[in-house]
PDB file of all heavy atoms in Angstrom:
ATOM      1  N   ARG A   1      -0.272  11.412 -10.776  1.00  0.00           N
ATOM      2  CA  ARG A   1      -0.955  12.546 -11.342  1.00  0.00           C
ATOM      3  C   ARG A   1      -1.477  12.134 -12.808  1.00  0.00           C
ATOM      4  O   ARG A   1      -0.601  11.753 -13.626  1.00  0.00           O
ATOM      5  CB  ARG A   1      -0.290  13.817 -11.384  1.00  0.00           C
ATOM      6  CG  ARG A   1      -0.977  15.007 -11.934  1.00  0.00           C
ATOM      7  CD  ARG A   1      -0.239  16.255 -11.675  1.00  0.00           C
ATOM      8  NE  ARG A   1       0.955  16.315 -12.413  1.00  0.00           N
ATOM      9  CZ  ARG A   1       1.957  17.281 -12.199  1.00  0.00           C
ATOM     10  NH1 ARG A   1       1.710  18.265 -11.345  1.00  0.00           N
ATOM     11  NH2 ARG A   1       3.041  17.277 -13.009  1.00  0.00           N
ATOM     12  N   ILE A   2      -2.759  12.252 -12.979  1.00  0.00           N
ATOM     13  CA  ILE A   2      -3.229  11.948 -14.430  1.00  0.00           C
ATOM     14  C   ILE A   2      -3.759  13.259 -15.070  1.00  0.00           C
ATOM     15  O   ILE A   2      -4.593  13.979 -14.366  1.00  0.00           O
ATOM     16  CB  ILE A   2      -4.320  10.949 -14.318  1.00  0.00           C
ATOM     17  CG1 ILE A   2      -3.783   9.672 -13.745  1.00  0.00           C
ATOM     18  CG2 ILE A   2      -5.040  10.688 -15.729  1.00  0.00           C
ATOM     19  CD1 ILE A   2      -4.844   8.529 -13.442  1.00  0.00           C
ATOM     20  N   GLU A   3      -3.190  13.644 -16.079  1.00  0.00           N
ATOM     21  CA  GLU A   3      -3.659  14.890 -16.762  1.00  0.00           C
ATOM     22  C   GLU A   3      -4.486  14.612 -18.081  1.00  0.00           C
ATOM     23  O   GLU A   3      -4.084  13.642 -18.699  1.00  0.00           O
ATOM     24  CB  GLU A   3      -2.398  15.725 -17.096  1.00  0.00           C
ATOM     25  CG  GLU A   3      -1.560  16.227 -15.874  1.00  0.00           C
ATOM     26  CD  GLU A   3      -0.340  16.957 -16.230  1.00  0.00           C
ATOM     27  OE1 GLU A   3       0.139  16.897 -17.310  1.00  0.00           O
ATOM     28  OE2 GLU A   3       0.076  17.815 -15.463  1.00  0.00           O
ATOM     29  N   GLY A   4      -5.341  15.460 -18.402  1.00  0.00           N
ATOM     30  CA  GLY A   4      -5.986  15.273 -19.723  1.00  0.00           C
ATOM     31  C   GLY A   4      -7.220  14.427 -19.729  1.00  0.00           C
ATOM     32  O   GLY A   4      -7.800  14.233 -20.792  1.00  0.00           O
ATOM     33  N   HIS A   5      -7.590  13.836 -18.590  1.00  0.00           N
ATOM     34  CA  HIS A   5      -8.723  12.965 -18.584  1.00  0.00           C
ATOM     35  C   HIS A   5     -10.030  13.951 -18.652  1.00  0.00           C
ATOM     36  O   HIS A   5     -10.092  14.804 -17.907  1.00  0.00           O
ATOM     37  CB  HIS A   5      -8.695  12.060 -17.312  1.00  0.00           C
ATOM     38  CG  HIS A   5      -9.824  10.964 -17.348  1.00  0.00           C
ATOM     39  ND1 HIS A   5     -11.055  11.187 -16.954  1.00  0.00           N
ATOM     40  CD2 HIS A   5      -9.736   9.687 -17.851  1.00  0.00           C
ATOM     41  CE1 HIS A   5     -11.744  10.042 -17.072  1.00  0.00           C
ATOM     42  NE2 HIS A   5     -10.929   9.148 -17.617  1.00  0.00           N
ATOM     43  N   PRO A   6     -10.911  13.562 -19.496  1.00  0.00           N
ATOM     44  CA  PRO A   6     -12.176  14.387 -19.686  1.00  0.00           C
ATOM     45  C   PRO A   6     -13.081  14.435 -18.547  1.00  0.00           C
ATOM     46  O   PRO A   6     -13.782  15.359 -18.348  1.00  0.00           O
ATOM     47  CB  PRO A   6     -12.812  13.727 -20.858  1.00  0.00           C
ATOM     48  CG  PRO A   6     -12.364  12.317 -20.936  1.00  0.00           C
ATOM     49  CD  PRO A   6     -11.032  12.285 -20.438  1.00  0.00           C
ATOM     50  N   GLY A   7     -13.178  13.371 -17.668  1.00  0.00           N
ATOM     51  CA  GLY A   7     -14.062  13.321 -16.529  1.00  0.00           C
ATOM     52  C   GLY A   7     -13.309  13.405 -15.191  1.00  0.00           C
ATOM     53  O   GLY A   7     -12.137  13.551 -15.092  1.00  0.00           O
ATOM     54  N   ARG A   8     -14.150  13.460 -14.186  1.00  0.00           N
ATOM     55  CA  ARG A   8     -13.619  13.427 -12.807  1.00  0.00           C
ATOM     56  C   ARG A   8     -13.196  12.011 -12.461  1.00  0.00           C
ATOM     57  O   ARG A   8     -13.949  11.117 -12.551  1.00  0.00           O
ATOM     58  CB  ARG A   8     -14.729  14.010 -11.916  1.00  0.00           C
ATOM     59  CG  ARG A   8     -14.158  14.050 -10.336  1.00  0.00           C
ATOM     60  CD  ARG A   8     -15.424  14.622  -9.512  1.00  0.00           C
ATOM     61  NE  ARG A   8     -14.929  14.625  -8.082  1.00  0.00           N
ATOM     62  CZ  ARG A   8     -14.162  15.465  -7.532  1.00  0.00           C
ATOM     63  NH1 ARG A   8     -13.760  16.559  -8.209  1.00  0.00           N
ATOM     64  NH2 ARG A   8     -13.943  15.402  -6.268  1.00  0.00           N
ATOM     65  N   LEU A   9     -11.946  11.907 -11.899  1.00  0.00           N
ATOM     66  CA  LEU A   9     -11.464  10.693 -11.443  1.00  0.00           C
ATOM     67  C   LEU A   9     -11.577  10.495  -9.944  1.00  0.00           C
ATOM     68  O   LEU A   9     -11.348  11.486  -9.193  1.00  0.00           O
ATOM     69  CB  LEU A   9     -10.007  10.499 -11.825  1.00  0.00           C
ATOM     70  CG  LEU A   9      -9.722  10.262 -13.254  1.00  0.00           C
ATOM     71  CD1 LEU A   9      -8.173  10.251 -13.612  1.00  0.00           C
ATOM     72  CD2 LEU A   9     -10.356   8.869 -13.797  1.00  0.00           C
ATOM     73  N   THR A  10     -11.879   9.260  -9.417  1.00  0.00           N
ATOM     74  CA  THR A  10     -11.906   8.981  -8.043  1.00  0.00           C
ATOM     75  C   THR A  10     -10.854   7.855  -7.785  1.00  0.00           C
ATOM     76  O   THR A  10     -10.398   7.236  -8.794  1.00  0.00           O
ATOM     77  CB  THR A  10     -13.281   8.639  -7.497  1.00  0.00           C
ATOM     78  OG1 THR A  10     -13.579   7.243  -8.052  1.00  0.00           O
ATOM     79  CG2 THR A  10     -14.333   9.628  -7.936  1.00  0.00           C
ATOM     80  N   SER A  11     -10.644   7.576  -6.527  1.00  0.00           N
ATOM     81  CA  SER A  11      -9.767   6.454  -6.144  1.00  0.00           C
ATOM     82  C   SER A  11     -10.233   5.229  -6.732  1.00  0.00           C
ATOM     83  O   SER A  11      -9.468   4.278  -6.968  1.00  0.00           O
ATOM     84  CB  SER A  11      -9.512   6.449  -4.633  1.00  0.00           C
ATOM     85  OG  SER A  11     -10.695   6.231  -3.996  1.00  0.00           O
ATOM     86  N   ASP A  12     -11.470   5.008  -6.889  1.00  0.00           N
ATOM     87  CA  ASP A  12     -12.046   3.779  -7.436  1.00  0.00           C
ATOM     88  C   ASP A  12     -11.695   3.545  -8.908  1.00  0.00           C
ATOM     89  O   ASP A  12     -11.909   2.443  -9.404  1.00  0.00           O
ATOM     90  CB  ASP A  12     -13.525   3.793  -7.273  1.00  0.00           C
ATOM     91  CG  ASP A  12     -13.978   3.646  -5.837  1.00  0.00           C
ATOM     92  OD1 ASP A  12     -13.199   3.251  -5.014  1.00  0.00           O
ATOM     93  OD2 ASP A  12     -15.093   4.223  -5.466  1.00  0.00           O
ATOM     94  N   ASP A  13     -11.361   4.643  -9.599  1.00  0.00           N
ATOM     95  CA  ASP A  13     -11.032   4.563 -11.008  1.00  0.00           C
ATOM     96  C   ASP A  13      -9.601   4.072 -11.316  1.00  0.00           C
ATOM     97  O   ASP A  13      -9.283   3.817 -12.530  1.00  0.00           O
ATOM     98  CB  ASP A  13     -11.327   5.871 -11.764  1.00  0.00           C
ATOM     99  CG  ASP A  13     -12.823   6.220 -11.613  1.00  0.00           C
ATOM    100  OD1 ASP A  13     -13.643   5.363 -11.883  1.00  0.00           O
ATOM    101  OD2 ASP A  13     -12.945   7.439 -11.351  1.00  0.00           O
ATOM    102  N   VAL A  14      -8.743   4.022 -10.320  1.00  0.00           N
ATOM    103  CA  VAL A  14      -7.349   3.797 -10.507  1.00  0.00           C
ATOM    104  C   VAL A  14      -6.871   2.616  -9.620  1.00  0.00           C
ATOM    105  O   VAL A  14      -7.277   2.581  -8.458  1.00  0.00           O
ATOM    106  CB  VAL A  14      -6.458   4.997 -10.170  1.00  0.00           C
ATOM    107  CG1 VAL A  14      -5.039   4.727 -10.487  1.00  0.00           C
ATOM    108  CG2 VAL A  14      -6.944   6.208 -10.978  1.00  0.00           C
ATOM    109  N   THR A  15      -6.131   1.654 -10.277  1.00  0.00           N
ATOM    110  CA  THR A  15      -5.714   0.537  -9.586  1.00  0.00           C
ATOM    111  C   THR A  15      -4.130   0.551  -9.730  1.00  0.00           C
ATOM    112  O   THR A  15      -3.580   0.535 -10.834  1.00  0.00           O
ATOM    113  CB  THR A  15      -6.297  -0.806 -10.009  1.00  0.00           C
ATOM    114  OG1 THR A  15      -7.665  -0.696  -9.980  1.00  0.00           O
ATOM    115  CG2 THR A  15      -5.670  -1.977  -9.308  1.00  0.00           C
ATOM    116  N   GLY A  16      -3.411   0.474  -8.532  1.00  0.00           N
ATOM    117  CA  GLY A  16      -1.937   0.377  -8.655  1.00  0.00           C
ATOM    118  C   GLY A  16      -1.577  -1.068  -8.578  1.00  0.00           C
ATOM    119  O   GLY A  16      -2.183  -1.871  -7.756  1.00  0.00           O
ATOM    120  N   VAL A  17      -0.508  -1.546  -9.196  1.00  0.00           N
ATOM    121  CA  VAL A  17      -0.094  -2.860  -9.106  1.00  0.00           C
ATOM    122  C   VAL A  17       1.225  -2.994  -8.352  1.00  0.00           C
ATOM    123  O   VAL A  17       2.197  -2.380  -8.631  1.00  0.00           O
ATOM    124  CB  VAL A  17       0.254  -3.534 -10.597  1.00  0.00           C
ATOM    125  CG1 VAL A  17       0.711  -4.898 -10.521  1.00  0.00           C
ATOM    126  CG2 VAL A  17      -1.036  -3.335 -11.416  1.00  0.00           C
ATOM    127  N   VAL A  18       1.151  -3.738  -7.298  1.00  0.00           N
ATOM    128  CA  VAL A  18       2.312  -4.016  -6.452  1.00  0.00           C
ATOM    129  C   VAL A  18       3.230  -5.071  -7.057  1.00  0.00           C
ATOM    130  O   VAL A  18       2.689  -6.155  -7.366  1.00  0.00           O
ATOM    131  CB  VAL A  18       1.881  -4.435  -4.949  1.00  0.00           C
ATOM    132  CG1 VAL A  18       3.076  -4.669  -4.187  1.00  0.00           C
ATOM    133  CG2 VAL A  18       1.005  -3.483  -4.383  1.00  0.00           C
ATOM    134  N   VAL A  19       4.564  -4.614  -7.283  1.00  0.00           N
ATOM    135  CA  VAL A  19       5.342  -5.599  -7.973  1.00  0.00           C
ATOM    136  C   VAL A  19       6.630  -5.909  -7.105  1.00  0.00           C
ATOM    137  O   VAL A  19       7.269  -4.890  -6.574  1.00  0.00           O
ATOM    138  CB  VAL A  19       5.831  -4.931  -9.319  1.00  0.00           C
ATOM    139  CG1 VAL A  19       6.938  -5.894 -10.039  1.00  0.00           C
ATOM    140  CG2 VAL A  19       4.686  -4.754 -10.216  1.00  0.00           C
ATOM    141  N   HIS A  20       6.910  -7.107  -6.752  1.00  0.00           N
ATOM    142  CA  HIS A  20       8.077  -7.460  -6.117  1.00  0.00           C
ATOM    143  C   HIS A  20       8.353  -8.995  -6.282  1.00  0.00           C
ATOM    144  O   HIS A  20       7.448  -9.681  -6.767  1.00  0.00           O
ATOM    145  CB  HIS A  20       8.065  -7.085  -4.643  1.00  0.00           C
ATOM    146  CG  HIS A  20       6.845  -7.776  -3.953  1.00  0.00           C
ATOM    147  ND1 HIS A  20       6.865  -9.000  -3.512  1.00  0.00           N
ATOM    148  CD2 HIS A  20       5.632  -7.207  -3.501  1.00  0.00           C
ATOM    149  CE1 HIS A  20       5.653  -9.324  -2.867  1.00  0.00           C
ATOM    150  NE2 HIS A  20       4.940  -8.085  -2.929  1.00  0.00           N
ATOM    151  N   SER A  21       9.532  -9.342  -5.997  1.00  0.00           N
ATOM    152  CA  SER A  21       9.841 -10.811  -6.083  1.00  0.00           C
ATOM    153  C   SER A  21       8.844 -11.635  -5.251  1.00  0.00           C
ATOM    154  O   SER A  21       8.494 -11.133  -4.145  1.00  0.00           O
ATOM    155  CB  SER A  21      11.302 -11.087  -5.691  1.00  0.00           C
ATOM    156  OG  SER A  21      12.166 -10.560  -6.613  1.00  0.00           O
ATOM    157  N   ASP A  22       8.481 -12.806  -5.714  1.00  0.00           N
ATOM    158  CA  ASP A  22       7.416 -13.533  -5.005  1.00  0.00           C
ATOM    159  C   ASP A  22       8.006 -14.229  -3.751  1.00  0.00           C
ATOM    160  O   ASP A  22       8.300 -15.556  -3.829  1.00  0.00           O
ATOM    161  CB  ASP A  22       6.853 -14.664  -6.009  1.00  0.00           C
ATOM    162  CG  ASP A  22       5.568 -15.248  -5.446  1.00  0.00           C
ATOM    163  OD1 ASP A  22       5.087 -14.725  -4.336  1.00  0.00           O
ATOM    164  OD2 ASP A  22       5.204 -16.348  -5.982  1.00  0.00           O
ATOM    165  N   LEU A  23       8.346 -13.597  -2.804  1.00  0.00           N
ATOM    166  CA  LEU A  23       8.963 -14.176  -1.519  1.00  0.00           C
ATOM    167  C   LEU A  23       7.876 -14.598  -0.641  1.00  0.00           C
ATOM    168  O   LEU A  23       6.915 -13.879  -0.386  1.00  0.00           O
ATOM    169  CB  LEU A  23       9.877 -13.061  -0.978  1.00  0.00           C
ATOM    170  CG  LEU A  23      10.981 -12.525  -1.820  1.00  0.00           C
ATOM    171  CD1 LEU A  23      11.653 -11.325  -1.028  1.00  0.00           C
ATOM    172  CD2 LEU A  23      11.936 -13.552  -2.195  1.00  0.00           C
ATOM    173  N   ARG A  24       8.140 -15.756  -0.003  1.00  0.00           N
ATOM    174  CA  ARG A  24       7.218 -16.316   1.014  1.00  0.00           C
ATOM    175  C   ARG A  24       7.353 -15.531   2.267  1.00  0.00           C
ATOM    176  O   ARG A  24       8.381 -15.435   2.761  1.00  0.00           O
ATOM    177  CB  ARG A  24       7.451 -17.814   1.210  1.00  0.00           C
ATOM    178  CG  ARG A  24       6.501 -18.425   2.180  1.00  0.00           C
ATOM    179  CD  ARG A  24       6.724 -19.866   2.162  1.00  0.00           C
ATOM    180  NE  ARG A  24       8.016 -20.283   2.575  1.00  0.00           N
ATOM    181  CZ  ARG A  24       8.459 -20.518   3.860  1.00  0.00           C
ATOM    182  NH1 ARG A  24       7.590 -20.459   4.871  1.00  0.00           N
ATOM    183  NH2 ARG A  24       9.773 -20.832   4.117  1.00  0.00           N
ATOM    184  N   ARG A  25       6.314 -14.969   2.803  1.00  0.00           N
ATOM    185  CA  ARG A  25       6.349 -14.290   4.166  1.00  0.00           C
ATOM    186  C   ARG A  25       6.616 -15.298   5.211  1.00  0.00           C
ATOM    187  O   ARG A  25       5.940 -16.348   5.249  1.00  0.00           O
ATOM    188  CB  ARG A  25       5.020 -13.619   4.348  1.00  0.00           C
ATOM    189  CG  ARG A  25       4.962 -12.687   5.689  1.00  0.00           C
ATOM    190  CD  ARG A  25       5.753 -11.374   5.386  1.00  0.00           C
ATOM    191  NE  ARG A  25       5.855 -10.661   6.569  1.00  0.00           N
ATOM    192  CZ  ARG A  25       5.113  -9.584   6.889  1.00  0.00           C
ATOM    193  NH1 ARG A  25       4.179  -9.189   6.045  1.00  0.00           N
ATOM    194  NH2 ARG A  25       5.312  -8.806   7.973  1.00  0.00           N
ATOM    195  N   THR A  26       7.529 -14.939   6.125  1.00  0.00           N
ATOM    196  CA  THR A  26       7.892 -15.849   7.215  1.00  0.00           C
ATOM    197  C   THR A  26       7.943 -15.174   8.531  1.00  0.00           C
ATOM    198  O   THR A  26       8.097 -15.836   9.614  1.00  0.00           O
ATOM    199  CB  THR A  26       9.314 -16.421   6.964  1.00  0.00           C
ATOM    200  OG1 THR A  26      10.232 -15.375   6.906  1.00  0.00           O
ATOM    201  CG2 THR A  26       9.353 -17.326   5.725  1.00  0.00           C
ATOM    202  N   GLY A  27       7.689 -13.754   8.606  1.00  0.00           N
ATOM    203  CA  GLY A  27       7.814 -13.208   9.945  1.00  0.00           C
ATOM    204  C   GLY A  27       6.926 -12.094  10.192  1.00  0.00           C
ATOM    205  O   GLY A  27       6.531 -11.359   9.209  1.00  0.00           O
ATOM    206  N   TRP A  28       6.317 -11.924  11.333  1.00  0.00           N
ATOM    207  CA  TRP A  28       5.327 -10.952  11.653  1.00  0.00           C
ATOM    208  C   TRP A  28       5.637 -10.439  13.166  1.00  0.00           C
ATOM    209  O   TRP A  28       6.206 -11.104  13.928  1.00  0.00           O
ATOM    210  CB  TRP A  28       3.934 -11.566  11.748  1.00  0.00           C
ATOM    211  CG  TRP A  28       3.510 -12.091  10.389  1.00  0.00           C
ATOM    212  CD1 TRP A  28       2.704 -11.335   9.436  1.00  0.00           C
ATOM    213  CD2 TRP A  28       3.736 -13.248   9.783  1.00  0.00           C
ATOM    214  NE1 TRP A  28       2.481 -12.110   8.349  1.00  0.00           N
ATOM    215  CE2 TRP A  28       3.159 -13.373   8.532  1.00  0.00           C
ATOM    216  CE3 TRP A  28       4.459 -14.461  10.164  1.00  0.00           C
ATOM    217  CZ2 TRP A  28       3.182 -14.448   7.666  1.00  0.00           C
ATOM    218  CZ3 TRP A  28       4.438 -15.534   9.376  1.00  0.00           C
ATOM    219  CH2 TRP A  28       3.884 -15.511   8.148  1.00  0.00           C
ATOM    220  N   PHE A  29       5.317  -9.162  13.367  1.00  0.00           N
ATOM    221  CA  PHE A  29       5.451  -8.587  14.699  1.00  0.00           C
ATOM    222  C   PHE A  29       4.303  -7.558  14.991  1.00  0.00           C
ATOM    223  O   PHE A  29       4.029  -6.872  13.945  1.00  0.00           O
ATOM    224  CB  PHE A  29       6.840  -7.846  14.814  1.00  0.00           C
ATOM    225  CG  PHE A  29       7.003  -7.073  16.112  1.00  0.00           C
ATOM    226  CD1 PHE A  29       7.424  -7.669  17.203  1.00  0.00           C
ATOM    227  CD2 PHE A  29       6.594  -5.808  16.154  1.00  0.00           C
ATOM    228  CE1 PHE A  29       7.638  -7.013  18.459  1.00  0.00           C
ATOM    229  CE2 PHE A  29       6.785  -5.043  17.316  1.00  0.00           C
ATOM    230  CZ  PHE A  29       7.228  -5.654  18.512  1.00  0.00           C
ATOM    231  N   ARG A  30       3.830  -7.567  16.197  1.00  0.00           N
ATOM    232  CA  ARG A  30       2.854  -6.516  16.633  1.00  0.00           C
ATOM    233  C   ARG A  30       3.111  -6.274  18.123  1.00  0.00           C
ATOM    234  O   ARG A  30       3.714  -7.111  18.879  1.00  0.00           O
ATOM    235  CB  ARG A  30       1.430  -6.996  16.479  1.00  0.00           C
ATOM    236  CG  ARG A  30       0.997  -7.169  15.095  1.00  0.00           C
ATOM    237  CD  ARG A  30      -0.520  -7.401  15.083  1.00  0.00           C
ATOM    238  NE  ARG A  30      -0.938  -8.360  16.040  1.00  0.00           N
ATOM    239  CZ  ARG A  30      -2.077  -8.262  16.729  1.00  0.00           C
ATOM    240  NH1 ARG A  30      -2.926  -7.181  16.666  1.00  0.00           N
ATOM    241  NH2 ARG A  30      -2.429  -9.178  17.604  1.00  0.00           N
ATOM    242  N   CYS A  31       2.821  -5.022  18.664  1.00  0.00           N
ATOM    243  CA  CYS A  31       2.931  -4.721  19.996  1.00  0.00           C
ATOM    244  C   CYS A  31       1.911  -3.729  20.390  1.00  0.00           C
ATOM    245  O   CYS A  31       1.122  -3.243  19.533  1.00  0.00           O
ATOM    246  CB  CYS A  31       4.409  -4.207  20.265  1.00  0.00           C
ATOM    247  SG  CYS A  31       4.729  -2.644  19.713  1.00  0.00           S
ATOM    248  N   SER A  32       1.837  -3.388  21.685  1.00  0.00           N
ATOM    249  CA  SER A  32       0.855  -2.479  22.268  1.00  0.00           C
ATOM    250  C   SER A  32       1.034  -1.044  21.815  1.00  0.00           C
ATOM    251  O   SER A  32       0.063  -0.286  21.956  1.00  0.00           O
ATOM    252  CB  SER A  32       0.792  -2.583  23.791  1.00  0.00           C
ATOM    253  OG  SER A  32       2.129  -2.203  24.308  1.00  0.00           O
ATOM    254  N   ASP A  33       2.236  -0.736  21.367  1.00  0.00           N
ATOM    255  CA  ASP A  33       2.420   0.660  20.884  1.00  0.00           C
ATOM    256  C   ASP A  33       2.195   0.712  19.370  1.00  0.00           C
ATOM    257  O   ASP A  33       2.891   0.188  18.515  1.00  0.00           O
ATOM    258  CB  ASP A  33       3.905   1.063  21.181  1.00  0.00           C
ATOM    259  CG  ASP A  33       4.130   2.539  20.929  1.00  0.00           C
ATOM    260  OD1 ASP A  33       3.854   3.006  19.802  1.00  0.00           O
ATOM    261  OD2 ASP A  33       4.788   3.173  21.822  1.00  0.00           O
ATOM    262  N   GLU A  34       1.119   1.370  18.975  1.00  0.00           N
ATOM    263  CA  GLU A  34       0.630   1.328  17.572  1.00  0.00           C
ATOM    264  C   GLU A  34       1.731   1.888  16.660  1.00  0.00           C
ATOM    265  O   GLU A  34       1.807   1.558  15.554  1.00  0.00           O
ATOM    266  CB  GLU A  34      -0.689   2.092  17.476  1.00  0.00           C
ATOM    267  CG  GLU A  34      -1.786   1.366  18.095  1.00  0.00           C
ATOM    268  CD  GLU A  34      -3.257   2.102  17.972  1.00  0.00           C
ATOM    269  OE1 GLU A  34      -3.140   3.158  17.262  1.00  0.00           O
ATOM    270  OE2 GLU A  34      -4.158   1.632  18.528  1.00  0.00           O
ATOM    271  N   ARG A  35       2.405   2.947  17.105  1.00  0.00           N
ATOM    272  CA  ARG A  35       3.325   3.601  16.253  1.00  0.00           C
ATOM    273  C   ARG A  35       4.521   2.690  15.958  1.00  0.00           C
ATOM    274  O   ARG A  35       5.096   2.706  14.964  1.00  0.00           O
ATOM    275  CB  ARG A  35       3.863   4.898  16.858  1.00  0.00           C
ATOM    276  CG  ARG A  35       2.757   5.895  16.928  1.00  0.00           C
ATOM    277  CD  ARG A  35       3.326   7.390  17.310  1.00  0.00           C
ATOM    278  NE  ARG A  35       4.026   7.353  18.581  1.00  0.00           N
ATOM    279  CZ  ARG A  35       4.784   8.322  19.075  1.00  0.00           C
ATOM    280  NH1 ARG A  35       4.968   9.394  18.311  1.00  0.00           N
ATOM    281  NH2 ARG A  35       5.430   8.229  20.163  1.00  0.00           N
ATOM    282  N   VAL A  36       5.032   1.910  16.979  1.00  0.00           N
ATOM    283  CA  VAL A  36       6.103   0.910  16.679  1.00  0.00           C
ATOM    284  C   VAL A  36       5.639  -0.129  15.719  1.00  0.00           C
ATOM    285  O   VAL A  36       6.293  -0.503  14.870  1.00  0.00           O
ATOM    286  CB  VAL A  36       6.580   0.338  18.029  1.00  0.00           C
ATOM    287  CG1 VAL A  36       7.563  -0.783  17.789  1.00  0.00           C
ATOM    288  CG2 VAL A  36       7.197   1.349  18.962  1.00  0.00           C
ATOM    289  N   SER A  37       4.361  -0.585  15.965  1.00  0.00           N
ATOM    290  CA  SER A  37       3.888  -1.550  15.010  1.00  0.00           C
ATOM    291  C   SER A  37       3.798  -0.947  13.513  1.00  0.00           C
ATOM    292  O   SER A  37       4.006  -1.701  12.574  1.00  0.00           O
ATOM    293  CB  SER A  37       2.440  -2.070  15.485  1.00  0.00           C
ATOM    294  OG  SER A  37       2.421  -2.735  16.741  1.00  0.00           O
ATOM    295  N   ARG A  38       3.335   0.237  13.475  1.00  0.00           N
ATOM    296  CA  ARG A  38       3.186   1.004  12.183  1.00  0.00           C
ATOM    297  C   ARG A  38       4.675   1.047  11.551  1.00  0.00           C
ATOM    298  O   ARG A  38       4.730   0.881  10.387  1.00  0.00           O
ATOM    299  CB  ARG A  38       2.666   2.313  12.436  1.00  0.00           C
ATOM    300  CG  ARG A  38       2.593   3.243  11.074  1.00  0.00           C
ATOM    301  CD  ARG A  38       1.713   2.593  10.084  1.00  0.00           C
ATOM    302  NE  ARG A  38       1.736   3.407   8.891  1.00  0.00           N
ATOM    303  CZ  ARG A  38       1.530   2.966   7.691  1.00  0.00           C
ATOM    304  NH1 ARG A  38       1.236   1.638   7.484  1.00  0.00           N
ATOM    305  NH2 ARG A  38       1.497   3.842   6.623  1.00  0.00           N
ATOM    306  N   PHE A  39       5.597   1.316  12.373  1.00  0.00           N
ATOM    307  CA  PHE A  39       6.960   1.467  11.825  1.00  0.00           C
ATOM    308  C   PHE A  39       7.434   0.072  11.209  1.00  0.00           C
ATOM    309  O   PHE A  39       8.090  -0.026  10.284  1.00  0.00           O
ATOM    310  CB  PHE A  39       8.126   1.987  12.769  1.00  0.00           C
ATOM    311  CG  PHE A  39       9.497   2.229  12.076  1.00  0.00           C
ATOM    312  CD1 PHE A  39       9.598   3.330  11.445  1.00  0.00           C
ATOM    313  CD2 PHE A  39      10.449   1.239  12.241  1.00  0.00           C
ATOM    314  CE1 PHE A  39      10.817   3.494  10.793  1.00  0.00           C
ATOM    315  CE2 PHE A  39      11.650   1.466  11.591  1.00  0.00           C
ATOM    316  CZ  PHE A  39      11.846   2.628  10.902  1.00  0.00           C
ATOM    317  N   HIS A  40       7.077  -1.027  11.971  1.00  0.00           N
ATOM    318  CA  HIS A  40       7.436  -2.301  11.473  1.00  0.00           C
ATOM    319  C   HIS A  40       6.726  -2.550  10.048  1.00  0.00           C
ATOM    320  O   HIS A  40       7.388  -3.065   9.233  1.00  0.00           O
ATOM    321  CB  HIS A  40       7.039  -3.353  12.439  1.00  0.00           C
ATOM    322  CG  HIS A  40       7.468  -4.761  12.193  1.00  0.00           C
ATOM    323  ND1 HIS A  40       6.810  -5.597  11.268  1.00  0.00           N
ATOM    324  CD2 HIS A  40       8.591  -5.454  12.597  1.00  0.00           C
ATOM    325  CE1 HIS A  40       7.474  -6.746  11.138  1.00  0.00           C
ATOM    326  NE2 HIS A  40       8.492  -6.716  11.973  1.00  0.00           N
ATOM    327  N   GLU A  41       5.511  -2.009   9.932  1.00  0.00           N
ATOM    328  CA  GLU A  41       4.673  -2.219   8.764  1.00  0.00           C
ATOM    329  C   GLU A  41       5.404  -1.463   7.577  1.00  0.00           C
ATOM    330  O   GLU A  41       5.543  -2.082   6.428  1.00  0.00           O
ATOM    331  CB  GLU A  41       3.361  -1.806   8.878  1.00  0.00           C
ATOM    332  CG  GLU A  41       2.357  -2.024   7.786  1.00  0.00           C
ATOM    333  CD  GLU A  41       1.010  -1.551   7.999  1.00  0.00           C
ATOM    334  OE1 GLU A  41       0.721  -1.393   9.168  1.00  0.00           O
ATOM    335  OE2 GLU A  41       0.302  -1.317   6.982  1.00  0.00           O
ATOM    336  N   ILE A  42       5.803  -0.242   7.898  1.00  0.00           N
ATOM    337  CA  ILE A  42       6.456   0.534   6.708  1.00  0.00           C
ATOM    338  C   ILE A  42       7.820   0.029   6.276  1.00  0.00           C
ATOM    339  O   ILE A  42       8.166   0.163   5.134  1.00  0.00           O
ATOM    340  CB  ILE A  42       6.443   2.028   7.082  1.00  0.00           C
ATOM    341  CG1 ILE A  42       7.487   2.400   8.153  1.00  0.00           C
ATOM    342  CG2 ILE A  42       5.037   2.566   7.325  1.00  0.00           C
ATOM    343  CD1 ILE A  42       7.663   3.844   8.282  1.00  0.00           C
TER     344      ILE A  42
END
């Protein structure tokens, strides 16, 4: 939440920075059930 900005803000005006240890990705999974794939993603 941004308060006090004089103009209207849109999602294009704000950039979030993802921060985590620089780990090399080594594993992926997908399946025909989109909700299961989504849970793997979250």
